[in-house]
């Protein structure tokens, strides 16, 4: 009997220890997901070359959370331009998915000089505040952005031009989902890859001997 009682006591001890371990792991996971992951995900990108015209970045919103965010920056974010004239979080695209359909509301925020061309419009305008539109507006069309470090007399001399568009695709389980694509459309006048800084960033400008853009 003493042996049985001791065995039962040990079993309860082990169960208690196991419960504490599982609880601790769960708590650590929550802390990591809610606090540490957002910080770590903002670390500098391992992409050390500047963007080029034609670069495309696809983004699909998580179906469970129904919220997504795409960041354009200098050294960090989903699209690190590696251009010195671009701020961190220069452009922030926020996507909000409808509960049962592939419809999205898109909000765009800026933390640097930005020009904006709404869907189906021809003229760029200075972006003064948050812009919002619906995903169906950029199916087969795009909304465009020009970003830089300064605006002179309501004009941008040097800039990176990005477009945001949307399209449908079928995922691995055969479900139709919406995919957003951010494309580098133009870099004026270019990025001088010969003038690399200690932070692995580059200024606007043409490399010596580079031909004129057509």
N, C-alpha and C. Protein backbone atom coordinates (compact mmCIF):
# COMPACT_ATOMS: atom_id res chain seq x y z
N UNK A 1 0.81 -1.22 0.00
CA UNK A 1 0.00 0.00 0.00
C UNK A 1 0.85 1.27 0.00
N UNK A 2 1.88 1.35 0.86
CA UNK A 2 2.72 2.55 0.81
C UNK A 2 3.31 2.76 -0.58
N UNK A 3 3.69 1.64 -1.23
CA UNK A 3 4.27 1.75 -2.58
C UNK A 3 3.25 2.31 -3.57
N UNK A 4 1.98 1.82 -3.47
CA UNK A 4 0.92 2.29 -4.36
C UNK A 4 0.64 3.78 -4.13
N UNK A 5 0.59 4.17 -2.86
CA UNK A 5 0.35 5.58 -2.54
C UNK A 5 1.46 6.45 -3.09
N UNK A 6 2.69 5.96 -2.97
CA UNK A 6 3.84 6.72 -3.48
C UNK A 6 3.77 6.85 -5.01
N UNK A 7 3.36 5.75 -5.68
CA UNK A 7 3.25 5.76 -7.14
C UNK A 7 2.18 6.76 -7.59
N UNK A 8 1.04 6.76 -6.87
CA UNK A 8 -0.03 7.69 -7.21
C UNK A 8 0.43 9.14 -7.01
N UNK A 9 1.14 9.35 -5.89
CA UNK A 9 1.64 10.69 -5.62
C UNK A 9 2.62 11.15 -6.70
N UNK A 10 3.49 10.25 -7.15
CA UNK A 10 4.43 10.58 -8.22
C UNK A 10 3.70 10.89 -9.52
N UNK A 11 2.63 10.10 -9.78
CA UNK A 11 1.86 10.33 -11.01
C UNK A 11 1.24 11.72 -11.02
N UNK A 12 0.65 12.10 -9.86
CA UNK A 12 0.08 13.44 -9.76
C UNK A 12 1.15 14.51 -9.93
N UNK A 13 2.32 14.26 -9.39
CA UNK A 13 3.42 15.23 -9.53
C UNK A 13 3.82 15.40 -10.98
N UNK A 14 3.94 14.27 -11.69
CA UNK A 14 4.30 14.33 -13.10
C UNK A 14 3.23 15.04 -13.93
N UNK A 15 1.95 14.74 -13.60
CA UNK A 15 0.86 15.40 -14.31
C UNK A 15 0.86 16.90 -14.07
N UNK A 16 1.15 17.27 -12.83
CA UNK A 16 1.21 18.70 -12.49
C UNK A 16 2.34 19.39 -13.24
N UNK A 17 3.50 18.72 -13.28
CA UNK A 17 4.65 19.28 -13.99
C UNK A 17 4.34 19.42 -15.48
N UNK A 18 3.70 18.36 -16.04
CA UNK A 18 3.34 18.39 -17.46
C UNK A 18 2.35 19.51 -17.74
N UNK A 19 1.37 19.70 -16.85
CA UNK A 19 0.39 20.77 -17.03
C UNK A 19 1.06 22.14 -16.99
N UNK A 20 2.01 22.29 -16.05
CA UNK A 20 2.73 23.56 -15.94
C UNK A 20 3.55 23.84 -17.20
N UNK A 21 4.18 22.77 -17.73
CA UNK A 21 4.98 22.93 -18.94
C UNK A 21 4.12 23.34 -20.12
N UNK A 22 2.96 22.65 -20.28
CA UNK A 22 2.07 22.98 -21.38
C UNK A 22 1.50 24.38 -21.25
N UNK A 23 1.17 24.76 -20.02
CA UNK A 23 0.65 26.12 -19.79
C UNK A 23 1.71 27.17 -20.12
N UNK A 24 2.94 26.87 -19.71
CA UNK A 24 4.04 27.81 -19.98
C UNK A 24 4.30 27.94 -21.47
N UNK A 25 4.27 26.79 -22.18
CA UNK A 25 4.47 26.82 -23.62
C UNK A 25 3.36 27.63 -24.30
N UNK A 26 2.12 27.42 -23.85
CA UNK A 26 1.00 28.17 -24.42
C UNK A 26 1.13 29.66 -24.17
N UNK A 27 1.54 30.02 -22.94
CA UNK A 27 1.71 31.42 -22.60
C UNK A 27 2.83 32.06 -23.43
N UNK A 28 3.94 31.32 -23.57
CA UNK A 28 5.06 31.83 -24.37
C UNK A 28 4.66 32.02 -25.82
N UNK A 29 3.84 31.09 -26.34
CA UNK A 29 3.39 31.21 -27.73
C UNK A 29 2.53 32.46 -27.91
N UNK A 30 1.63 32.72 -26.95
CA UNK A 30 0.78 33.91 -27.03
C UNK A 30 1.62 35.17 -26.99
N UNK A 31 2.61 35.20 -26.07
CA UNK A 31 3.49 36.36 -25.96
C UNK A 31 4.26 36.57 -27.25
N UNK A 32 4.78 35.46 -27.81
CA UNK A 32 5.54 35.56 -29.06
C UNK A 32 4.66 36.06 -30.21
N UNK A 33 3.47 35.48 -30.33
CA UNK A 33 2.59 35.82 -31.46
C UNK A 33 2.08 37.25 -31.36
N UNK A 34 1.74 37.69 -30.15
CA UNK A 34 1.13 39.00 -29.99
C UNK A 34 2.13 40.13 -29.86
N UNK A 35 3.32 39.85 -29.31
CA UNK A 35 4.25 40.93 -29.01
C UNK A 35 5.60 40.81 -29.74
N UNK A 36 6.20 39.62 -29.69
CA UNK A 36 7.54 39.47 -30.26
C UNK A 36 7.52 39.35 -31.77
N UNK A 37 6.57 38.58 -32.32
CA UNK A 37 6.54 38.36 -33.77
C UNK A 37 6.40 39.65 -34.56
N UNK A 38 5.49 40.57 -34.16
CA UNK A 38 5.41 41.82 -34.92
C UNK A 38 6.71 42.61 -34.93
N UNK A 39 7.46 42.53 -33.81
CA UNK A 39 8.73 43.25 -33.75
C UNK A 39 9.78 42.57 -34.61
N UNK A 40 9.88 41.23 -34.47
CA UNK A 40 10.88 40.49 -35.23
C UNK A 40 10.60 40.55 -36.72
N UNK A 41 9.33 40.59 -37.10
CA UNK A 41 9.00 40.64 -38.53
C UNK A 41 9.37 41.96 -39.15
N UNK A 42 9.65 42.98 -38.30
CA UNK A 42 10.06 44.28 -38.80
C UNK A 42 11.56 44.39 -38.95
N UNK A 43 12.29 43.30 -38.71
CA UNK A 43 13.74 43.35 -38.82
C UNK A 43 14.14 43.64 -40.26
N UNK A 44 15.37 44.05 -40.45
CA UNK A 44 15.85 44.40 -41.77
C UNK A 44 15.75 43.21 -42.72
N UNK A 45 15.32 43.50 -43.92
CA UNK A 45 15.16 42.44 -44.93
C UNK A 45 16.52 41.90 -45.34
N UNK A 46 16.52 40.62 -45.76
CA UNK A 46 17.75 40.03 -46.27
C UNK A 46 17.93 40.30 -47.76
N UNK A 47 17.06 41.13 -48.31
CA UNK A 47 17.22 41.57 -49.70
C UNK A 47 18.10 42.81 -49.70
N UNK A 48 19.30 42.70 -50.26
CA UNK A 48 20.27 43.79 -50.20
C UNK A 48 20.43 44.52 -51.52
N UNK A 49 19.72 44.12 -52.55
CA UNK A 49 19.79 44.82 -53.82
C UNK A 49 18.58 45.72 -53.95
N UNK A 50 18.74 46.88 -54.57
CA UNK A 50 17.59 47.79 -54.71
C UNK A 50 16.57 47.23 -55.70
N UNK A 51 15.36 47.73 -55.59
CA UNK A 51 14.30 47.27 -56.49
C UNK A 51 14.61 47.66 -57.92
N UNK A 52 14.01 46.93 -58.84
CA UNK A 52 14.17 47.22 -60.26
C UNK A 52 12.79 47.29 -60.91
N UNK A 53 12.72 48.01 -62.01
CA UNK A 53 11.47 48.08 -62.75
C UNK A 53 11.06 46.67 -63.18
N UNK A 54 9.82 46.34 -62.93
CA UNK A 54 9.31 45.01 -63.27
C UNK A 54 9.22 44.07 -62.09
N UNK A 55 9.85 44.41 -60.96
CA UNK A 55 9.75 43.57 -59.76
C UNK A 55 8.29 43.50 -59.33
N UNK A 56 7.85 42.28 -58.96
CA UNK A 56 6.47 42.08 -58.52
C UNK A 56 6.45 41.39 -57.16
N UNK A 57 5.53 41.82 -56.32
CA UNK A 57 5.39 41.27 -54.98
C UNK A 57 3.92 40.90 -54.77
N UNK A 58 3.66 39.60 -54.59
CA UNK A 58 2.29 39.12 -54.40
C UNK A 58 1.96 39.04 -52.91
N UNK A 59 0.70 39.27 -52.61
CA UNK A 59 0.26 39.21 -51.21
C UNK A 59 -1.15 38.64 -51.15
N UNK A 60 -1.34 37.65 -50.27
CA UNK A 60 -2.65 37.04 -50.05
C UNK A 60 -3.01 37.18 -48.58
N UNK A 61 -4.19 37.66 -48.30
CA UNK A 61 -4.64 37.90 -46.93
C UNK A 61 -4.99 36.58 -46.26
N UNK A 62 -4.57 36.41 -45.02
CA UNK A 62 -4.91 35.21 -44.25
C UNK A 62 -6.42 35.08 -44.12
N UNK A 63 -6.92 33.89 -44.43
CA UNK A 63 -8.36 33.66 -44.49
C UNK A 63 -9.00 33.61 -43.10
N UNK A 64 -8.22 33.29 -42.09
CA UNK A 64 -8.77 33.19 -40.74
C UNK A 64 -8.87 34.56 -40.07
N UNK A 65 -7.78 35.31 -40.07
CA UNK A 65 -7.79 36.62 -39.43
C UNK A 65 -8.55 37.65 -40.26
N UNK A 66 -8.56 37.45 -41.59
CA UNK A 66 -9.25 38.32 -42.54
C UNK A 66 -8.66 39.73 -42.58
N UNK A 67 -7.46 39.88 -42.02
CA UNK A 67 -6.78 41.17 -42.03
C UNK A 67 -5.35 40.98 -42.52
N UNK A 68 -4.86 41.93 -43.29
CA UNK A 68 -3.49 41.84 -43.77
C UNK A 68 -2.88 43.21 -43.91
N UNK A 69 -1.56 43.23 -43.97
CA UNK A 69 -0.84 44.49 -44.08
C UNK A 69 0.41 44.28 -44.93
N UNK A 70 0.64 45.17 -45.87
CA UNK A 70 1.81 45.11 -46.75
C UNK A 70 2.56 46.43 -46.61
N UNK A 71 3.85 46.35 -46.26
CA UNK A 71 4.65 47.53 -45.96
C UNK A 71 5.69 47.77 -47.04
N UNK A 72 5.83 49.04 -47.44
CA UNK A 72 6.88 49.46 -48.37
C UNK A 72 7.83 50.36 -47.60
N UNK A 73 9.11 50.00 -47.57
CA UNK A 73 10.08 50.78 -46.82
C UNK A 73 11.41 50.89 -47.51
N UNK A 74 12.40 51.32 -46.75
CA UNK A 74 13.76 51.43 -47.28
C UNK A 74 14.52 50.12 -47.10
N UNK A 75 14.64 49.68 -45.84
CA UNK A 75 15.37 48.44 -45.56
C UNK A 75 14.48 47.36 -44.96
N UNK A 76 13.28 47.71 -44.58
CA UNK A 76 12.38 46.76 -43.93
C UNK A 76 11.06 46.70 -44.69
N UNK A 77 10.20 45.78 -44.27
CA UNK A 77 8.88 45.67 -44.86
C UNK A 77 8.79 44.54 -45.87
N UNK A 78 7.61 44.39 -46.46
CA UNK A 78 7.40 43.38 -47.49
C UNK A 78 8.09 43.76 -48.79
N UNK A 79 8.27 45.06 -48.99
CA UNK A 79 8.96 45.55 -50.19
C UNK A 79 10.04 46.53 -49.76
N UNK A 80 11.24 46.03 -49.47
CA UNK A 80 12.36 46.91 -49.11
C UNK A 80 13.00 47.47 -50.38
N UNK A 81 12.85 48.76 -50.61
CA UNK A 81 13.34 49.34 -51.86
C UNK A 81 14.86 49.49 -51.89
N UNK A 82 15.48 49.60 -50.71
CA UNK A 82 16.92 49.87 -50.59
C UNK A 82 17.29 51.23 -51.19
N UNK A 83 16.31 52.12 -51.27
CA UNK A 83 16.54 53.47 -51.77
C UNK A 83 16.56 54.44 -50.60
N UNK A 84 17.60 55.28 -50.52
CA UNK A 84 17.78 56.19 -49.38
C UNK A 84 16.66 57.21 -49.27
N UNK A 85 15.99 57.51 -50.36
CA UNK A 85 14.94 58.53 -50.34
C UNK A 85 13.62 58.02 -49.79
N UNK A 86 13.53 56.72 -49.56
CA UNK A 86 12.28 56.12 -49.10
C UNK A 86 12.34 55.88 -47.59
N UNK A 87 11.29 56.26 -46.89
CA UNK A 87 11.22 56.09 -45.44
C UNK A 87 10.81 54.66 -45.10
N UNK A 88 11.08 54.26 -43.86
CA UNK A 88 10.52 52.99 -43.39
C UNK A 88 9.01 53.18 -43.24
N UNK A 89 8.26 52.16 -43.61
CA UNK A 89 6.79 52.24 -43.61
C UNK A 89 6.31 53.44 -44.43
N UNK A 90 7.00 53.69 -45.53
CA UNK A 90 6.63 54.83 -46.39
C UNK A 90 5.19 54.68 -46.87
N UNK A 91 4.83 53.46 -47.28
CA UNK A 91 3.45 53.15 -47.65
C UNK A 91 2.99 51.94 -46.86
N UNK A 92 1.78 52.01 -46.35
CA UNK A 92 1.19 50.90 -45.60
C UNK A 92 -0.15 50.55 -46.25
N UNK A 93 -0.22 49.35 -46.82
CA UNK A 93 -1.47 48.86 -47.39
C UNK A 93 -2.15 47.95 -46.36
N UNK A 94 -3.37 48.29 -46.00
CA UNK A 94 -4.14 47.49 -45.05
C UNK A 94 -5.33 46.87 -45.76
N UNK A 95 -5.46 45.54 -45.61
CA UNK A 95 -6.52 44.81 -46.31
C UNK A 95 -7.49 44.21 -45.28
N UNK A 96 -8.78 44.42 -45.50
CA UNK A 96 -9.81 43.87 -44.63
C UNK A 96 -10.75 43.03 -45.48
N UNK A 97 -10.77 41.71 -45.23
CA UNK A 97 -11.57 40.77 -46.01
C UNK A 97 -12.99 40.67 -45.47
N UNK A 98 -13.97 40.56 -46.36
CA UNK A 98 -15.34 40.29 -45.95
C UNK A 98 -15.42 38.89 -45.36
N UNK A 99 -16.42 38.64 -44.54
CA UNK A 99 -16.48 37.38 -43.80
C UNK A 99 -16.64 36.16 -44.72
N UNK A 100 -17.51 36.23 -45.68
CA UNK A 100 -17.84 35.04 -46.48
C UNK A 100 -17.50 35.16 -47.96
N UNK A 101 -16.96 36.27 -48.39
CA UNK A 101 -16.65 36.46 -49.80
C UNK A 101 -15.23 37.00 -49.98
N UNK A 102 -14.75 36.95 -51.22
CA UNK A 102 -13.43 37.48 -51.54
C UNK A 102 -13.53 38.96 -51.92
N UNK A 103 -14.16 39.72 -51.05
CA UNK A 103 -14.27 41.17 -51.21
C UNK A 103 -13.45 41.83 -50.11
N UNK A 104 -12.74 42.87 -50.48
CA UNK A 104 -11.82 43.51 -49.54
C UNK A 104 -11.98 45.02 -49.57
N UNK A 105 -11.82 45.61 -48.40
CA UNK A 105 -11.66 47.05 -48.29
C UNK A 105 -10.18 47.33 -48.07
N UNK A 106 -9.65 48.26 -48.82
CA UNK A 106 -8.21 48.55 -48.77
C UNK A 106 -8.01 49.98 -48.28
N UNK A 107 -7.19 50.12 -47.25
CA UNK A 107 -6.79 51.43 -46.75
C UNK A 107 -5.30 51.60 -47.02
N UNK A 108 -4.92 52.80 -47.45
CA UNK A 108 -3.51 53.08 -47.72
C UNK A 108 -3.10 54.29 -46.88
N UNK A 109 -2.04 54.10 -46.09
CA UNK A 109 -1.50 55.17 -45.26
C UNK A 109 -0.09 55.49 -45.73
N UNK A 110 0.37 56.68 -45.46
CA UNK A 110 1.70 57.09 -45.88
C UNK A 110 2.48 57.67 -44.71
N UNK A 111 3.81 57.49 -44.78
CA UNK A 111 4.72 58.11 -43.81
C UNK A 111 5.84 58.85 -44.53
N UNK A 112 5.56 59.26 -45.75
CA UNK A 112 6.52 60.00 -46.55
C UNK A 112 5.82 60.62 -47.74
N UNK A 113 6.55 61.41 -48.49
CA UNK A 113 5.96 62.11 -49.64
C UNK A 113 5.41 61.10 -50.65
N UNK A 114 4.15 61.28 -51.02
CA UNK A 114 3.47 60.31 -51.89
C UNK A 114 2.49 61.00 -52.83
N UNK A 115 2.51 60.58 -54.09
CA UNK A 115 1.47 60.94 -55.04
C UNK A 115 0.63 59.70 -55.30
N UNK A 116 -0.65 59.93 -55.60
CA UNK A 116 -1.60 58.83 -55.70
C UNK A 116 -2.46 59.00 -56.95
N UNK A 117 -2.63 57.92 -57.70
CA UNK A 117 -3.55 57.94 -58.84
C UNK A 117 -4.65 56.92 -58.58
N UNK A 118 -5.88 57.36 -58.32
CA UNK A 118 -6.97 56.43 -58.01
C UNK A 118 -7.26 55.49 -59.17
N UNK A 119 -7.92 54.39 -58.90
CA UNK A 119 -8.29 53.46 -59.98
C UNK A 119 -9.09 54.17 -61.08
N UNK A 120 -8.74 53.87 -62.34
CA UNK A 120 -9.44 54.37 -63.53
C UNK A 120 -9.26 55.87 -63.75
N UNK A 121 -8.35 56.51 -63.01
CA UNK A 121 -8.07 57.92 -63.21
C UNK A 121 -6.76 58.09 -63.97
N UNK A 122 -6.56 59.26 -64.57
CA UNK A 122 -5.38 59.50 -65.40
C UNK A 122 -4.32 60.33 -64.70
N UNK A 123 -4.71 61.13 -63.75
CA UNK A 123 -3.80 62.12 -63.17
C UNK A 123 -3.41 61.75 -61.75
N UNK A 124 -2.11 61.92 -61.44
CA UNK A 124 -1.63 61.74 -60.08
C UNK A 124 -1.98 62.98 -59.26
N UNK A 125 -2.30 62.77 -58.00
CA UNK A 125 -2.56 63.87 -57.09
C UNK A 125 -1.80 63.64 -55.80
N UNK A 126 -1.50 64.71 -55.11
CA UNK A 126 -0.76 64.61 -53.86
C UNK A 126 -1.61 63.90 -52.81
N UNK A 127 -1.03 62.92 -52.18
CA UNK A 127 -1.75 62.16 -51.16
C UNK A 127 -1.62 62.89 -49.83
N UNK A 128 -2.74 63.38 -49.32
CA UNK A 128 -2.74 64.18 -48.10
C UNK A 128 -3.12 63.37 -46.87
N UNK A 129 -3.92 62.34 -47.06
CA UNK A 129 -4.43 61.57 -45.93
C UNK A 129 -4.66 60.13 -46.36
N UNK A 130 -5.25 59.35 -45.48
CA UNK A 130 -5.53 57.95 -45.79
C UNK A 130 -6.47 57.86 -46.99
N UNK A 131 -6.14 56.94 -47.91
CA UNK A 131 -7.00 56.67 -49.06
C UNK A 131 -7.63 55.29 -48.88
N UNK A 132 -8.88 55.15 -49.32
CA UNK A 132 -9.60 53.88 -49.19
C UNK A 132 -10.34 53.57 -50.48
N UNK A 133 -10.39 52.29 -50.83
CA UNK A 133 -11.14 51.84 -51.99
C UNK A 133 -11.43 50.36 -51.84
N UNK A 134 -12.21 49.80 -52.76
CA UNK A 134 -12.61 48.40 -52.70
C UNK A 134 -11.81 47.57 -53.71
N UNK A 135 -11.64 46.29 -53.39
CA UNK A 135 -10.80 45.43 -54.23
C UNK A 135 -11.34 45.28 -55.65
N UNK A 136 -12.66 45.31 -55.83
CA UNK A 136 -13.21 45.14 -57.18
C UNK A 136 -12.79 46.28 -58.10
N UNK A 137 -12.42 47.44 -57.53
CA UNK A 137 -12.02 48.59 -58.33
C UNK A 137 -10.68 48.38 -59.03
N UNK A 138 -9.87 47.43 -58.52
CA UNK A 138 -8.54 47.23 -59.11
C UNK A 138 -8.40 45.85 -59.76
N UNK A 139 -9.54 45.26 -60.12
CA UNK A 139 -9.50 44.03 -60.93
C UNK A 139 -9.44 44.45 -62.39
N UNK A 140 -8.38 44.13 -63.07
CA UNK A 140 -8.20 44.55 -64.45
C UNK A 140 -7.69 45.96 -64.60
N UNK A 141 -7.57 46.66 -63.48
CA UNK A 141 -7.02 48.01 -63.46
C UNK A 141 -6.02 48.08 -62.31
N UNK A 142 -5.48 49.25 -62.07
CA UNK A 142 -4.56 49.39 -60.95
C UNK A 142 -4.71 50.77 -60.35
N UNK A 143 -4.26 50.89 -59.13
CA UNK A 143 -4.10 52.20 -58.52
C UNK A 143 -2.61 52.39 -58.33
N UNK A 144 -2.12 53.60 -58.59
CA UNK A 144 -0.67 53.82 -58.67
C UNK A 144 -0.20 54.83 -57.63
N UNK A 145 1.06 54.66 -57.22
CA UNK A 145 1.66 55.51 -56.20
C UNK A 145 3.06 55.90 -56.63
N UNK A 146 3.42 57.14 -56.37
CA UNK A 146 4.80 57.61 -56.55
C UNK A 146 5.32 58.05 -55.20
N UNK A 147 6.46 57.51 -54.80
CA UNK A 147 7.01 57.80 -53.48
C UNK A 147 8.42 58.36 -53.61
N UNK A 148 8.74 59.30 -52.73
CA UNK A 148 10.05 59.95 -52.74
C UNK A 148 10.25 60.63 -51.39
N UNK A 149 11.36 61.37 -51.29
CA UNK A 149 11.63 62.06 -50.03
C UNK A 149 11.18 63.52 -50.05
N UNK A 150 10.82 64.04 -51.22
CA UNK A 150 10.39 65.44 -51.26
C UNK A 150 9.53 65.72 -52.49
N UNK A 151 8.74 66.77 -52.33
CA UNK A 151 7.91 67.29 -53.41
C UNK A 151 8.27 68.75 -53.61
N UNK A 152 8.59 69.13 -54.84
CA UNK A 152 8.99 70.50 -55.15
C UNK A 152 7.95 71.12 -56.07
N UNK A 153 7.28 72.15 -55.59
CA UNK A 153 6.26 72.86 -56.36
C UNK A 153 5.22 71.88 -56.93
N UNK A 154 4.73 71.02 -56.04
CA UNK A 154 3.71 70.03 -56.40
C UNK A 154 4.17 69.05 -57.47
N UNK A 155 5.47 68.84 -57.53
CA UNK A 155 6.02 67.87 -58.48
C UNK A 155 7.05 66.99 -57.78
N UNK A 156 7.16 65.77 -58.28
CA UNK A 156 8.22 64.86 -57.84
C UNK A 156 9.23 64.74 -58.98
N UNK A 157 10.47 65.09 -58.68
CA UNK A 157 11.52 64.98 -59.69
C UNK A 157 12.05 63.55 -59.73
N UNK A 158 12.38 63.02 -58.55
CA UNK A 158 12.86 61.65 -58.42
C UNK A 158 11.81 60.84 -57.66
N UNK A 159 11.52 59.63 -58.13
CA UNK A 159 10.49 58.85 -57.46
C UNK A 159 10.55 57.39 -57.89
N UNK A 160 9.91 56.55 -57.07
CA UNK A 160 9.62 55.17 -57.43
C UNK A 160 8.12 55.06 -57.61
N UNK A 161 7.70 54.53 -58.74
CA UNK A 161 6.27 54.38 -59.03
C UNK A 161 5.86 52.93 -58.84
N UNK A 162 4.84 52.72 -58.02
CA UNK A 162 4.32 51.38 -57.72
C UNK A 162 2.86 51.30 -58.13
N UNK A 163 2.45 50.12 -58.56
CA UNK A 163 1.03 49.90 -58.87
C UNK A 163 0.50 48.77 -58.00
N UNK A 164 -0.76 48.88 -57.62
CA UNK A 164 -1.45 47.84 -56.86
C UNK A 164 -2.61 47.33 -57.70
N UNK A 165 -2.64 46.02 -57.93
CA UNK A 165 -3.74 45.41 -58.68
C UNK A 165 -4.18 44.14 -57.98
N UNK A 166 -5.28 43.56 -58.41
CA UNK A 166 -5.78 42.34 -57.80
C UNK A 166 -6.23 41.37 -58.88
N UNK A 167 -6.20 40.09 -58.56
CA UNK A 167 -6.62 39.04 -59.50
C UNK A 167 -7.03 37.82 -58.68
N UNK A 168 -7.73 36.90 -59.32
CA UNK A 168 -8.14 35.67 -58.65
C UNK A 168 -7.24 34.51 -59.07
N UNK A 169 -7.07 33.56 -58.16
CA UNK A 169 -6.32 32.35 -58.46
C UNK A 169 -6.91 31.22 -57.62
N UNK A 170 -6.55 29.99 -57.95
CA UNK A 170 -7.00 28.84 -57.16
C UNK A 170 -5.85 28.34 -56.30
N UNK A 171 -6.11 28.21 -54.99
CA UNK A 171 -5.05 27.75 -54.09
C UNK A 171 -4.91 26.22 -54.18
N UNK A 172 -4.08 25.65 -53.31
CA UNK A 172 -3.76 24.23 -53.39
C UNK A 172 -4.95 23.31 -53.15
N UNK A 173 -5.96 23.82 -52.45
CA UNK A 173 -7.15 23.00 -52.20
C UNK A 173 -8.27 23.31 -53.19
N UNK A 174 -7.94 24.07 -54.23
CA UNK A 174 -8.92 24.35 -55.27
C UNK A 174 -9.89 25.46 -54.97
N UNK A 175 -9.59 26.27 -53.94
CA UNK A 175 -10.48 27.36 -53.58
C UNK A 175 -10.03 28.64 -54.26
N UNK A 176 -10.99 29.38 -54.78
CA UNK A 176 -10.67 30.64 -55.45
C UNK A 176 -10.39 31.73 -54.42
N UNK A 177 -9.21 32.33 -54.52
CA UNK A 177 -8.81 33.39 -53.61
C UNK A 177 -8.37 34.61 -54.40
N UNK A 178 -8.36 35.74 -53.73
CA UNK A 178 -7.88 36.96 -54.36
C UNK A 178 -6.42 37.19 -53.98
N UNK A 179 -5.65 37.60 -54.98
CA UNK A 179 -4.23 37.89 -54.77
C UNK A 179 -3.97 39.34 -55.17
N UNK A 180 -3.26 40.05 -54.31
CA UNK A 180 -2.88 41.43 -54.60
C UNK A 180 -1.44 41.45 -55.08
N UNK A 181 -1.17 42.27 -56.08
CA UNK A 181 0.17 42.36 -56.65
C UNK A 181 0.63 43.81 -56.67
N UNK A 182 1.80 44.03 -56.07
CA UNK A 182 2.43 45.36 -56.09
C UNK A 182 3.60 45.27 -57.07
N UNK A 183 3.59 46.11 -58.08
CA UNK A 183 4.58 46.06 -59.16
C UNK A 183 5.36 47.37 -59.21
N UNK A 184 6.67 47.27 -59.38
CA UNK A 184 7.51 48.46 -59.57
C UNK A 184 7.40 48.85 -61.04
N UNK A 185 6.74 49.96 -61.31
CA UNK A 185 6.46 50.38 -62.68
C UNK A 185 7.54 51.30 -63.26
N UNK A 186 8.11 52.15 -62.42
CA UNK A 186 9.06 53.14 -62.93
C UNK A 186 9.96 53.62 -61.80
N UNK A 187 11.21 53.91 -62.13
CA UNK A 187 12.14 54.52 -61.18
C UNK A 187 12.77 55.70 -61.90
N UNK A 188 12.50 56.90 -61.44
CA UNK A 188 12.98 58.11 -62.09
C UNK A 188 13.96 58.86 -61.20
N UNK A 189 15.21 59.10 -61.63
CA UNK A 189 15.81 58.73 -62.92
C UNK A 189 16.45 57.33 -62.91
N UNK A 190 16.41 56.67 -61.78
CA UNK A 190 17.03 55.37 -61.60
C UNK A 190 17.64 55.30 -60.21
N UNK A 191 18.28 54.22 -59.89
CA UNK A 191 18.99 54.06 -58.62
C UNK A 191 20.45 53.79 -58.92
N UNK A 192 21.34 54.60 -58.35
CA UNK A 192 22.76 54.48 -58.62
C UNK A 192 23.36 53.38 -57.75
N UNK A 193 23.59 52.23 -58.33
CA UNK A 193 24.09 51.07 -57.59
C UNK A 193 25.57 51.18 -57.24
N UNK A 194 26.25 52.19 -57.78
CA UNK A 194 27.67 52.34 -57.48
C UNK A 194 27.91 53.16 -56.21
N UNK A 195 26.86 53.82 -55.72
CA UNK A 195 27.00 54.65 -54.52
C UNK A 195 26.31 53.97 -53.34
N UNK A 196 26.88 52.88 -52.91
CA UNK A 196 26.31 52.09 -51.81
C UNK A 196 26.74 52.65 -50.47
N UNK A 197 25.78 52.80 -49.55
CA UNK A 197 26.09 53.31 -48.22
C UNK A 197 26.45 52.16 -47.28
N UNK A 198 26.85 52.50 -46.07
CA UNK A 198 27.18 51.48 -45.07
C UNK A 198 25.94 50.67 -44.68
N UNK A 199 24.76 51.25 -44.86
CA UNK A 199 23.51 50.56 -44.52
C UNK A 199 22.98 49.76 -45.70
N UNK A 200 23.79 49.62 -46.75
CA UNK A 200 23.36 48.89 -47.95
C UNK A 200 22.15 49.54 -48.60
N UNK A 201 22.17 50.86 -48.67
CA UNK A 201 21.13 51.60 -49.37
C UNK A 201 21.79 52.45 -50.46
N UNK A 202 20.97 52.93 -51.39
CA UNK A 202 21.49 53.62 -52.56
C UNK A 202 20.67 54.87 -52.84
N UNK A 203 21.29 55.89 -53.45
CA UNK A 203 20.54 57.10 -53.79
C UNK A 203 19.91 57.01 -55.17
N UNK A 204 19.00 57.94 -55.45
CA UNK A 204 18.52 58.09 -56.81
C UNK A 204 19.67 58.55 -57.70
N UNK A 205 19.61 58.23 -58.97
CA UNK A 205 20.60 58.70 -59.92
C UNK A 205 20.99 57.63 -60.90
N UNK A 206 21.59 58.04 -62.00
CA UNK A 206 22.06 57.10 -63.00
C UNK A 206 23.51 56.72 -62.71
N UNK A 207 23.82 55.47 -62.95
CA UNK A 207 25.21 55.06 -62.84
C UNK A 207 26.00 55.67 -64.00
N UNK A 208 27.28 55.95 -63.73
CA UNK A 208 28.13 56.54 -64.76
C UNK A 208 28.17 55.65 -65.98
N UNK A 209 27.91 56.25 -67.13
CA UNK A 209 27.94 55.47 -68.38
C UNK A 209 26.62 54.84 -68.72
N UNK A 210 25.63 54.96 -67.85
CA UNK A 210 24.31 54.38 -68.12
C UNK A 210 23.58 55.22 -69.15
N UNK A 211 22.95 54.58 -70.09
CA UNK A 211 22.24 55.29 -71.14
C UNK A 211 20.97 55.94 -70.63
N UNK A 212 20.45 56.84 -71.41
CA UNK A 212 19.21 57.51 -71.05
C UNK A 212 18.04 56.58 -71.17
N UNK A 213 17.03 56.77 -70.32
CA UNK A 213 15.81 55.97 -70.41
C UNK A 213 15.03 56.36 -71.64
N UNK A 214 14.36 55.40 -72.18
CA UNK A 214 13.52 55.69 -73.34
C UNK A 214 12.07 55.71 -72.92
